[in-house]
């Protein structure tokens, strides 16, 4: 599922626009599938540094922008969002909203409130959200 999602994003964000501009992208779609397989394997492998590096490559290349990476809450429920949450947390934030934390954990916003109240997640002292570190710790539990 992860490799398939990465390949789909590569096609829609990179290859489709290139094909519109250049009429032909040659063997890039099949190469995209191979790259997606390798990236997914690295993200799910035992080497933490390789996983984080693969995630950084994908986010940097497929989600470019002038602002910090801040995907919608639903993105965290995708295979890519789930592996990012487990391997590195939110790449651009120290804390996240209750709804994003819920999406990262696969629970409702109310479930996050309950986890914070029971001391299972740490509330961010600055902004009222939940710390990414506590979400990652919960995912690893």
Protein backbone atom coordinates (compact mmCIF):
# COMPACT_ATOMS: atom_id res chain seq x y z
CA UNK A 1 0.00 0.00 0.00
CA UNK A 2 2.80 2.44 0.89
CA UNK A 3 4.73 1.88 -2.35
CA UNK A 4 1.52 2.20 -4.33
CA UNK A 5 0.67 5.52 -2.67
CA UNK A 6 4.19 6.88 -3.27
CA UNK A 7 4.07 5.80 -6.93
CA UNK A 8 0.67 7.45 -7.38
CA UNK A 9 1.91 10.70 -5.86
CA UNK A 10 5.00 10.65 -8.09
CA UNK A 11 2.81 10.17 -11.15
CA UNK A 12 0.25 12.84 -10.27
CA UNK A 13 2.58 15.51 -8.90
CA UNK A 14 5.59 15.01 -11.16
CA UNK A 15 4.98 12.85 -14.20
CA UNK A 16 1.52 14.04 -15.26
CA UNK A 17 2.65 17.70 -15.44
CA UNK A 18 5.79 16.65 -17.33
CA UNK A 19 3.72 14.66 -19.79
CA UNK A 20 1.46 17.66 -20.35
CA UNK A 21 4.49 19.84 -21.10
CA UNK A 22 6.63 17.37 -23.04
CA UNK A 23 3.99 14.97 -24.49
CA UNK A 24 6.06 11.92 -23.52
CA UNK A 25 7.83 10.88 -20.36
CA UNK A 26 9.32 7.68 -21.75
CA UNK A 27 10.03 4.99 -19.17
CA UNK A 28 9.62 7.32 -16.18
CA UNK A 29 6.34 5.70 -15.01
CA UNK A 30 7.99 2.29 -14.65
CA UNK A 31 11.03 3.89 -13.02
CA UNK A 32 8.68 5.69 -10.63
CA UNK A 33 7.26 2.33 -9.56
CA UNK A 34 10.78 1.01 -8.89
CA UNK A 35 11.76 4.12 -6.92
CA UNK A 36 8.51 3.94 -4.93
CA UNK A 37 9.27 0.31 -4.00
CA UNK A 38 12.79 1.22 -2.83
CA UNK A 39 11.60 4.25 -0.85
CA UNK A 40 8.82 2.27 0.81
CA UNK A 41 11.25 -0.51 1.73
CA UNK A 42 13.62 2.03 3.30
CA UNK A 43 10.79 3.72 5.21
CA UNK A 44 9.62 0.40 6.61
CA UNK A 45 13.07 -1.10 7.17
CA UNK A 46 15.13 -1.49 10.32
CA UNK A 47 17.53 1.40 9.64
CA UNK A 48 16.07 4.52 11.29
CA UNK A 49 18.46 6.90 9.53
CA UNK A 50 17.63 5.41 6.11
CA UNK A 51 13.91 5.63 6.89
CA UNK A 52 14.09 9.28 7.90
CA UNK A 53 16.25 10.07 4.86
CA UNK A 54 13.73 8.39 2.51
CA UNK A 55 10.85 10.26 4.15
CA UNK A 56 12.70 13.57 3.83
CA UNK A 57 13.37 12.89 0.14
CA UNK A 58 9.72 12.11 -0.56
CA UNK A 59 8.35 15.08 1.36
CA UNK A 60 10.91 17.47 -0.10
CA UNK A 61 10.34 16.33 -3.68
CA UNK A 62 6.60 15.67 -3.69
CA UNK A 63 5.36 18.36 -1.32
CA UNK A 64 7.48 21.41 -2.20
CA UNK A 65 6.55 24.84 -1.01
CA UNK A 66 7.67 28.04 0.59
CA UNK A 67 5.97 27.22 3.88
CA UNK A 68 6.66 24.38 6.31
CA UNK A 69 5.11 21.02 5.46
CA UNK A 70 1.67 20.92 7.10
CA UNK A 71 -0.59 18.27 5.57
CA UNK A 72 -4.28 18.07 6.40
CA UNK A 73 -5.36 15.73 9.20
CA UNK A 74 -6.67 13.10 6.75
CA UNK A 75 -3.19 12.74 5.20
CA UNK A 76 -1.96 11.20 8.45
CA UNK A 77 -4.37 8.29 7.96
CA UNK A 78 -2.75 7.30 4.66
CA UNK A 79 0.01 4.68 4.48
CA UNK A 80 2.60 7.44 3.92
CA UNK A 81 1.22 9.55 6.75
CA UNK A 82 1.29 6.58 9.11
CA UNK A 83 4.91 5.69 8.35
CA UNK A 84 5.94 9.35 8.73
CA UNK A 85 4.14 9.55 12.08
CA UNK A 86 5.85 6.40 13.37
CA UNK A 87 9.34 7.05 12.02
CA UNK A 88 9.76 10.79 12.60
CA UNK A 89 6.54 12.38 13.78
CA UNK A 90 5.56 15.66 12.18
CA UNK A 91 8.56 16.80 10.13
CA UNK A 92 7.92 20.50 10.68
CA UNK A 93 6.17 20.84 14.04
CA UNK A 94 6.94 20.24 17.70
CA UNK A 95 3.25 20.00 18.53
CA UNK A 96 0.04 19.32 16.61
CA UNK A 97 -3.64 20.00 17.12
CA UNK A 98 -5.85 17.42 18.78
CA UNK A 99 -7.43 16.55 15.43
CA UNK A 100 -4.04 15.97 13.77
CA UNK A 101 -2.85 13.94 16.77
CA UNK A 102 -6.02 11.88 16.46
CA UNK A 103 -5.40 11.28 12.78
CA UNK A 104 -1.80 10.29 13.48
CA UNK A 105 -2.97 7.85 16.16
CA UNK A 106 -6.08 6.61 14.38
CA UNK A 107 -8.43 7.86 17.09
CA UNK A 108 -10.97 10.63 17.35
CA UNK A 109 -10.28 14.12 18.63
CA UNK A 110 -12.24 13.16 21.74
CA UNK A 111 -9.98 10.13 22.11
CA UNK A 112 -6.98 12.46 22.14
CA UNK A 113 -8.64 14.61 24.84
CA UNK A 114 -9.09 11.46 26.90
CA UNK A 115 -5.46 10.37 26.39
CA UNK A 116 -4.25 13.83 27.45
CA UNK A 117 -6.50 13.82 30.50
CA UNK A 118 -5.19 10.37 31.53
CA UNK A 119 -1.57 11.47 31.02
CA UNK A 120 -0.98 9.16 28.04
CA UNK A 121 -0.23 12.13 25.73
CA UNK A 122 1.58 15.34 26.69
CA UNK A 123 -0.09 18.65 26.11
CA UNK A 124 2.15 21.30 24.57
CA UNK A 125 2.72 24.06 27.08
CA UNK A 126 3.00 26.79 24.43
CA UNK A 127 0.07 26.26 22.11
CA UNK A 128 -2.40 23.91 23.72
CA UNK A 129 -1.87 21.11 21.21
CA UNK A 130 -0.24 17.74 21.78
CA UNK A 131 3.51 17.21 21.57
CA UNK A 132 4.66 15.21 18.58
CA UNK A 133 7.10 13.37 20.84
CA UNK A 134 4.23 12.03 22.95
CA UNK A 135 2.32 10.97 19.83
CA UNK A 136 5.38 9.09 18.56
CA UNK A 137 5.87 7.49 21.94
CA UNK A 138 2.24 6.37 21.93
CA UNK A 139 2.61 4.93 18.43
CA UNK A 140 5.65 2.96 19.57
CA UNK A 141 3.87 1.56 22.63
